[in-house]
Protein backbone atom coordinates (compact mmCIF):
# COMPACT_ATOMS: atom_id res chain seq x y z
CA MET A 1 -0.17 0.00 -0.09
CA ARG A 2 1.51 3.62 -0.99
CA GLU A 3 0.12 6.89 0.08
CA TYR A 4 -1.64 9.55 -2.08
CA ARG A 5 -2.33 12.98 -2.16
CA TYR A 6 -4.73 13.62 -4.62
CA SER A 7 -7.61 16.44 -5.68
CA ALA A 8 -10.65 15.03 -7.10
CA LEU A 9 -13.97 16.39 -8.21
CA THR A 10 -17.19 15.34 -5.98
CA ALA A 11 -20.75 15.61 -8.02
CA SER A 12 -21.64 19.02 -7.33
CA GLY A 13 -18.22 20.38 -9.02
CA GLN A 14 -16.08 21.21 -6.09
CA THR A 15 -12.84 19.93 -6.16
CA VAL A 16 -11.31 18.50 -2.89
CA SER A 17 -8.01 16.97 -2.14
CA GLY A 18 -7.05 14.74 1.06
CA ILE A 19 -4.10 11.58 1.39
CA ARG A 20 -5.40 8.26 0.97
CA GLN A 21 -3.88 4.82 0.74
CA ALA A 22 -3.91 2.57 -2.36
CA GLU A 23 -2.31 -0.51 -4.32
CA ASN A 24 -1.59 1.93 -7.48
CA ALA A 25 -2.99 4.93 -9.12
CA LYS A 26 -5.08 3.00 -10.35
CA ALA A 27 -7.02 1.41 -7.14
CA LEU A 28 -6.94 4.94 -5.86
CA ALA A 29 -9.15 6.44 -8.82
CA ALA A 30 -11.31 3.34 -8.29
CA GLU A 31 -11.55 3.84 -4.62
CA LEU A 32 -12.73 7.84 -5.57
CA MET A 33 -15.12 6.88 -7.96
CA GLU A 34 -16.28 4.55 -5.39
CA ALA A 35 -16.93 7.55 -2.93
CA GLY A 36 -18.61 9.65 -5.67
CA LEU A 37 -15.35 11.32 -7.07
CA ILE A 38 -13.50 12.19 -9.77
CA LEU A 39 -10.11 11.74 -9.70
CA LEU A 40 -8.36 14.96 -10.95
CA LYS A 41 -4.57 14.52 -9.95
CA GLY A 42 -2.64 12.10 -7.70
CA ARG A 43 0.62 11.62 -6.42
CA PRO A 44 2.65 9.46 -4.12
CA THR A 45 3.46 11.30 -0.85
CA LEU A 46 7.52 11.07 0.47
CA GLY A 47 6.32 9.83 3.41
CA SER A 48 3.50 8.50 5.62
CA ILE A 49 2.04 11.21 6.78
CA SER A 50 -0.10 9.61 8.69
CA SER A 51 2.16 7.70 10.70
CA MET A 52 3.41 11.50 12.44
CA PHE A 53 -0.47 11.12 13.90
CA SER A 54 0.06 7.41 15.24
CA SER A 55 0.52 7.07 18.97
CA SER A 56 3.87 7.64 18.68
CA GLY A 57 3.84 11.75 18.02
CA ARG A 58 3.19 13.79 20.51
CA ALA A 59 1.96 16.58 18.18
CA GLY A 60 -0.61 14.06 16.52
CA LYS A 61 -2.10 13.14 19.95
CA LYS A 62 -2.68 16.61 20.95
CA GLU A 63 -4.45 17.45 17.34
CA LEU A 64 -6.50 14.68 17.65
CA ARG A 65 -7.55 14.84 21.39
CA ASP A 66 -8.45 18.86 20.04
CA PHE A 67 -10.35 17.21 17.12
CA THR A 68 -11.88 14.92 18.83
CA GLN A 69 -13.27 17.68 21.47
CA HIS A 70 -13.76 19.79 18.59
CA MET A 71 -16.70 17.24 16.88
CA SER A 72 -17.93 16.03 20.53
CA THR A 73 -18.74 19.84 21.07
CA CYS A 74 -20.22 20.14 17.60
CA LEU A 75 -22.53 17.51 17.69
CA SER A 76 -23.64 18.01 20.99
CA ALA A 77 -24.62 21.89 19.78
CA GLY A 78 -26.37 19.83 16.57
CA ILE A 79 -24.65 20.85 14.07
CA PRO A 80 -23.93 18.53 11.00
CA ALA A 81 -20.74 16.47 10.96
CA VAL A 82 -19.93 18.37 7.69
CA SER A 83 -20.16 21.43 8.82
CA ALA A 84 -17.90 20.21 11.96
CA LEU A 85 -15.24 18.66 9.89
CA ALA A 86 -15.20 21.78 7.21
CA ASP A 87 -14.28 24.32 10.75
CA PHE A 88 -11.94 22.09 12.04
CA GLN A 89 -10.55 21.86 9.18
CA GLU A 90 -10.23 25.71 8.67
CA LEU A 91 -8.58 26.13 11.84
CA THR A 92 -6.05 23.49 11.52
CA ASN A 93 -2.40 23.79 9.31
CA GLY A 94 -0.42 21.15 8.06
CA PRO A 95 -0.83 16.94 7.16
CA PHE A 96 -3.82 16.87 9.57
CA ARG A 97 -5.34 19.14 7.74
CA GLU A 98 -5.28 17.15 4.61
CA ILE A 99 -6.76 13.93 6.81
CA VAL A 100 -9.64 16.03 7.79
CA ALA A 101 -10.00 17.12 4.29
CA ASP A 102 -10.50 13.82 2.98
CA ILE A 103 -12.93 12.58 5.28
CA ARG A 104 -15.07 15.54 4.72
CA GLY A 105 -15.08 14.79 1.36
CA ASP A 106 -15.85 11.21 1.89
CA VAL A 107 -18.57 12.39 4.08
CA SER A 108 -20.03 14.70 1.79
CA SER A 109 -20.21 12.71 -0.94
CA GLY A 110 -22.25 9.63 1.42
CA THR A 111 -19.92 7.92 2.79
CA ALA A 112 -20.70 6.85 6.68
CA ILE A 113 -18.90 8.60 9.22
CA ASP A 114 -17.41 5.83 10.57
CA GLU A 115 -16.06 4.19 6.75
CA ALA A 116 -14.63 7.80 6.45
CA PHE A 117 -12.44 7.77 9.42
CA ALA A 118 -11.54 4.17 8.97
CA ARG A 119 -9.87 4.58 5.56
CA HIS A 120 -6.86 6.35 8.39
CA PRO A 121 -6.05 3.84 10.43
CA LEU A 122 -2.67 4.86 11.31
CA VAL A 123 -4.45 8.17 12.88
CA PHE A 124 -7.07 6.84 14.35
CA SER A 125 -6.67 3.46 16.80
CA SER A 126 -8.77 0.51 16.80
CA VAL A 127 -10.35 1.57 19.91
CA TYR A 128 -11.31 4.73 18.46
CA LEU A 129 -12.92 3.45 15.27
CA ALA A 130 -14.71 0.59 17.20
CA MET A 131 -16.60 3.66 18.92
CA LEU A 132 -17.18 5.30 16.10
CA THR A 133 -19.11 2.35 14.30
CA ALA A 134 -20.98 1.64 17.71
CA GLY A 135 -21.70 5.74 17.79
CA GLN A 136 -22.98 4.99 14.34
CA ASN A 137 -24.78 1.83 14.48
CA SER A 138 -26.70 3.97 17.63
CA GLY A 139 -26.89 7.14 16.74
CA ASN A 140 -25.30 8.38 19.35
CA LEU A 141 -22.49 10.10 18.06
CA ASP A 142 -21.87 12.87 20.03
CA GLY A 143 -21.59 10.76 23.32
CA ILE A 144 -19.28 8.41 21.79
CA PHE A 145 -17.35 11.31 20.67
CA GLU A 146 -17.49 13.20 24.47
CA GLU A 147 -16.19 9.52 25.62
CA LEU A 148 -13.71 9.26 23.49
CA VAL A 149 -12.24 12.52 24.52
CA ALA A 150 -12.02 11.01 27.90
CA TYR A 151 -10.39 7.90 26.98
CA LEU A 152 -8.06 10.14 25.08
CA GLU A 153 -7.05 12.16 28.22
CA TRP A 154 -6.68 8.45 30.43
CA ASN A 155 -4.26 7.29 27.59
CA ASP A 156 -2.15 10.40 27.70
CA ASN A 157 -2.83 10.62 31.96
CA LEU A 158 -1.42 7.11 32.09
CA ARG A 159 1.70 7.22 29.21
CA SER A 160 2.69 10.60 31.33
CA GLN A 161 2.45 8.78 34.88
CA THR A 162 4.51 5.40 33.43
CA SER A 163 7.04 7.85 31.68
CA GLN A 164 7.11 9.49 35.31
CA ALA A 165 7.66 5.99 36.93
CA LEU A 166 10.56 4.84 34.56
CA ILE A 167 12.54 8.19 34.88
CA TYR A 168 14.51 7.66 38.32
CA PRO A 169 15.44 3.83 36.92
CA THR A 170 15.91 4.92 33.85
CA MET A 171 18.76 7.85 35.13
CA LEU A 172 20.26 5.28 37.49
CA MET A 173 20.74 2.76 35.10
CA VAL A 174 21.87 5.41 32.81
CA GLY A 175 24.65 6.62 35.91
CA ILE A 176 25.86 3.14 36.50
CA ILE A 177 26.80 2.14 32.78
CA GLY A 178 28.41 5.61 32.41
CA LEU A 179 30.63 5.06 35.72
CA PHE A 180 31.79 1.77 34.54
CA LEU A 181 32.96 2.89 31.22
CA LEU A 182 34.19 5.78 33.03
CA MET A 183 36.26 3.13 35.62
CA MET A 184 37.25 0.91 32.65
CA PHE A 185 38.02 3.56 30.24
CA PHE A 186 39.84 6.43 31.98
CA VAL A 187 40.43 5.48 35.69
CA ILE A 188 41.98 1.92 35.41
CA PRO A 189 44.54 2.72 32.68
CA ARG A 190 45.72 5.02 35.09
CA PHE A 191 46.11 3.24 38.13
CA GLU A 192 48.13 0.33 35.93
CA ILE A 193 50.84 2.27 35.58
CA MET A 194 51.15 3.26 38.82
CA PHE A 195 51.06 -0.66 39.72
CA LYS A 196 53.37 -1.16 37.09
CA ASP A 197 56.14 1.02 39.29
CA VAL A 198 55.23 -0.47 42.71
CA GLY A 199 57.00 -4.00 41.90
CA PHE A 200 54.63 -5.69 44.17
CA GLU A 201 52.51 -8.97 43.29
CA LEU A 202 49.11 -7.28 43.15
CA PRO A 203 45.43 -9.27 44.50
CA THR A 204 44.19 -11.66 41.89
CA LEU A 205 40.91 -9.56 41.30
CA THR A 206 42.90 -6.67 41.18
CA ILE A 207 44.85 -8.25 38.29
CA ARG A 208 41.60 -8.98 36.91
CA VAL A 209 40.31 -5.66 36.81
CA LEU A 210 43.04 -4.22 35.40
CA ALA A 211 42.75 -7.18 32.65
CA LEU A 212 39.37 -6.07 31.86
CA GLY A 213 40.20 -2.55 31.45
CA THR A 214 43.36 -3.08 29.09
CA PHE A 215 40.86 -5.02 26.81
CA MET A 216 38.04 -2.75 26.85
CA GLY A 217 40.47 -0.41 26.01
CA HIS A 218 42.10 -2.20 22.94
CA TRP A 219 39.01 -3.91 22.04
CA TRP A 220 36.40 -1.27 22.17
CA TRP A 221 35.85 -0.99 18.97
CA LEU A 222 34.38 -4.95 18.67
CA ILE A 223 32.72 -4.63 21.85
CA PHE A 224 30.83 -1.82 20.96
CA GLY A 225 30.43 -3.00 17.57
CA SER A 226 29.57 -6.34 19.09
CA ILE A 227 26.57 -4.80 21.10
CA ALA A 228 25.01 -2.43 18.16
CA VAL A 229 24.59 -5.94 16.01
CA ILE A 230 23.23 -8.14 18.89
CA THR A 231 20.50 -4.94 18.93
CA MET A 232 19.66 -4.39 15.65
CA GLY A 233 19.04 -8.75 15.68
CA LEU A 234 16.92 -8.80 18.70
CA LYS A 235 15.21 -5.51 17.49
CA MET A 236 14.11 -7.59 14.18
CA TYR A 237 13.20 -10.96 16.12
CA PHE A 238 11.35 -8.44 18.52
CA ARG A 239 9.49 -7.66 15.47
CA THR A 240 8.90 -11.36 14.63
CA GLU A 241 5.16 -12.91 16.56
CA PRO A 242 7.66 -15.64 18.38
CA GLY A 243 10.03 -12.73 19.32
CA ALA A 244 7.41 -10.39 20.88
CA PHE A 245 5.85 -12.86 22.70
CA ASN A 246 9.57 -14.59 24.26
CA ARG A 247 10.49 -10.62 25.21
CA ASP A 248 7.04 -9.90 26.85
CA ARG A 249 7.30 -13.23 28.62
CA PHE A 250 10.27 -12.87 29.98
CA LEU A 251 9.55 -8.97 31.14
CA LEU A 252 6.58 -10.03 32.87
CA LYS A 253 9.00 -13.04 34.97
CA MET A 254 11.39 -9.95 35.63
CA PRO A 255 11.58 -8.77 39.62
CA VAL A 256 9.92 -5.70 40.22
CA LEU A 257 9.76 -4.66 36.71
CA GLY A 258 7.10 -7.44 35.67
CA GLY A 259 4.46 -6.22 38.11
CA PHE A 260 5.07 -3.06 36.94
CA LEU A 261 4.13 -4.04 33.16
CA GLN A 262 1.68 -6.10 34.19
CA LYS A 263 -0.72 -3.64 35.58
CA ILE A 264 -0.69 -1.05 32.83
CA SER A 265 -1.45 -3.57 30.72
CA MET A 266 -4.42 -4.78 32.74
CA SER A 267 -5.45 -1.22 33.32
CA ARG A 268 -5.41 -0.60 29.64
CA PHE A 269 -7.32 -3.68 29.22
CA SER A 270 -9.82 -2.73 31.83
CA LYS A 271 -10.65 1.07 30.25
CA SER A 272 -10.65 0.16 26.67
CA PHE A 273 -12.96 -3.14 27.55
CA ALA A 274 -15.25 -1.03 29.70
CA LEU A 275 -15.41 1.90 27.41
CA ILE A 276 -16.33 -0.30 24.03
CA PHE A 277 -18.41 -2.64 25.80
CA ALA A 278 -20.72 0.21 27.10
CA SER A 279 -20.87 1.53 23.52
CA GLY A 280 -22.26 -1.58 23.05
CA LEU A 281 -19.86 -3.53 20.27
CA ASP A 282 -20.47 -7.57 20.20
CA LEU A 283 -19.08 -9.18 22.90
CA LEU A 284 -16.48 -11.29 20.17
CA ARG A 285 -15.53 -8.59 18.22
CA LEU A 286 -14.53 -6.64 21.39
CA LEU A 287 -12.14 -9.43 22.32
CA ASP A 288 -10.41 -9.52 18.79
CA LEU A 289 -9.78 -5.76 20.07
CA MET A 290 -8.58 -6.19 23.23
CA GLN A 291 -5.84 -8.63 21.64
CA GLY A 292 -4.08 -5.80 20.03
CA LEU A 293 -4.55 -3.21 22.98
CA VAL A 294 -3.24 -4.74 26.03
CA GLY A 295 0.61 -3.58 24.96
CA ASN A 296 1.39 -7.51 25.61
CA GLN A 297 1.78 -10.63 23.80
CA VAL A 298 1.62 -12.70 26.65
CA MET A 299 -2.25 -11.42 27.20
CA ALA A 300 -3.17 -10.98 23.84
CA ARG A 301 -2.75 -14.62 23.58
CA GLN A 302 -4.83 -15.50 26.14
CA ILE A 303 -7.02 -13.30 25.37
CA ALA A 304 -7.61 -15.08 21.68
CA ILE A 305 -7.91 -18.35 23.78
CA ILE A 306 -10.60 -16.46 25.83
CA ARG A 307 -12.66 -15.13 22.66
CA ASN A 308 -12.40 -18.96 21.21
CA ARG A 309 -14.16 -20.17 24.60
CA VAL A 310 -16.56 -17.62 24.60
CA ALA A 311 -17.29 -18.48 21.26
CA THR A 312 -17.92 -22.09 22.27
CA GLY A 313 -20.64 -21.43 24.91
CA GLU A 314 -18.58 -20.21 27.68
CA THR A 315 -19.40 -17.81 29.91
CA LEU A 316 -16.51 -14.99 30.31
CA THR A 317 -16.11 -16.21 33.89
CA GLU A 318 -15.25 -19.55 33.20
CA SER A 319 -12.77 -18.04 30.24
CA PHE A 320 -11.17 -16.29 32.37
CA ALA A 321 -10.07 -18.85 35.11
CA ASP A 322 -7.48 -20.39 33.73
CA ALA A 323 -6.02 -17.05 32.56
CA ASP A 324 -2.69 -16.88 34.94
CA ALA A 325 -1.63 -13.80 33.41
CA PHE A 326 -4.53 -11.64 34.69
CA SER A 327 -4.91 -10.74 38.06
CA PRO A 328 -7.19 -12.48 40.96
CA LEU A 329 -8.56 -8.81 41.45
CA VAL A 330 -9.48 -8.58 37.26
CA LYS A 331 -10.99 -12.13 36.95
CA ARG A 332 -13.01 -11.63 40.67
CA LEU A 333 -14.77 -8.16 38.79
CA VAL A 334 -15.16 -9.84 35.36
CA ALA A 335 -17.25 -12.71 37.18
CA VAL A 336 -19.35 -9.90 39.36
CA GLY A 337 -19.85 -7.54 36.55
CA GLU A 338 -20.49 -10.72 34.55
CA LYS A 339 -23.09 -11.74 37.00
CA THR A 340 -24.75 -8.21 37.70
CA GLY A 341 -25.10 -7.38 34.13
CA SER A 342 -22.82 -4.69 35.15
CA LEU A 343 -19.48 -6.04 33.44
CA ASP A 344 -18.26 -2.02 31.79
CA ASN A 345 -18.90 -0.75 35.67
CA SER A 346 -16.74 -3.60 37.61
CA LEU A 347 -14.10 -3.11 34.83
CA MET A 348 -13.90 0.35 35.12
CA ARG A 349 -13.11 0.26 38.93
CA ALA A 350 -10.54 -2.32 38.49
CA SER A 351 -8.90 0.01 35.75
CA GLN A 352 -8.88 2.89 38.11
CA TYR A 353 -7.55 0.78 40.93
CA LEU A 354 -4.56 -0.64 38.86
């Protein structure tokens, strides 16, 4: 799939522009024709503009939150979605303006709003799109956008708290590594010269430390080169499904850090599950979404098993019983929520607690 910047003609004779992914220019023209647009000009972009607005981009997250807040306010006030999109398009600049223009063009030509948003999966997450679909089907789009604003703010808050919690151990680790390198490359060589002039036999431990310093001073290029190669190899391995699974399994077994990461994943699972379940999405479809949202492959595999057990007719409580990656608290609240018919409220409390 390539990303194209295009200009097209609407049925009313207006010219619209935007960004869309397609296999080639011919496929782009066909997709636009289905949306009621006639392609005037299309050219590949230099890069994936939408990736600027993925979960890794700070400016993208802020702009997405502002856009969602704008849509919630406008729809609640009775302003049509097309007008709300046009207003935001005038107020913003940069690549996001093109994306909003593309969505506006699709909606103006008769495309359902959830389908128009779904054509930009790098901008809008699976949770975002699933809730829009539920809101479109229930006719409660303004309420869904309001819930999405709260969800995006919660997600940013969770990410901020996680970063703050990791600052101290990260600084400590960097300090330890920096001190070790300082000793090996600068301090030990000076001590070695001093000890050679003394002329007495050194303790075994001191000799080994001096030998390590000599080795690192002579073969530093091999050491750092090997570290770079191993890092790149691990990075490529972790991109594979077995690699990601083994990495996450190792991290969950680590003392302190494992429990920390598990609680973050369970909090994300509980919050997202409660929010989407309350919007009325089908349970099996919801469990499919959760596999990509927990951020941990071990938990994702267990959710896949839970999903299959629910599909065969088991209750959610029975399906969660053997999922050891989930804490007893989450399992207990799932059981209580399923029994009382308030699963969304129970998991929302679990998220808040975690």
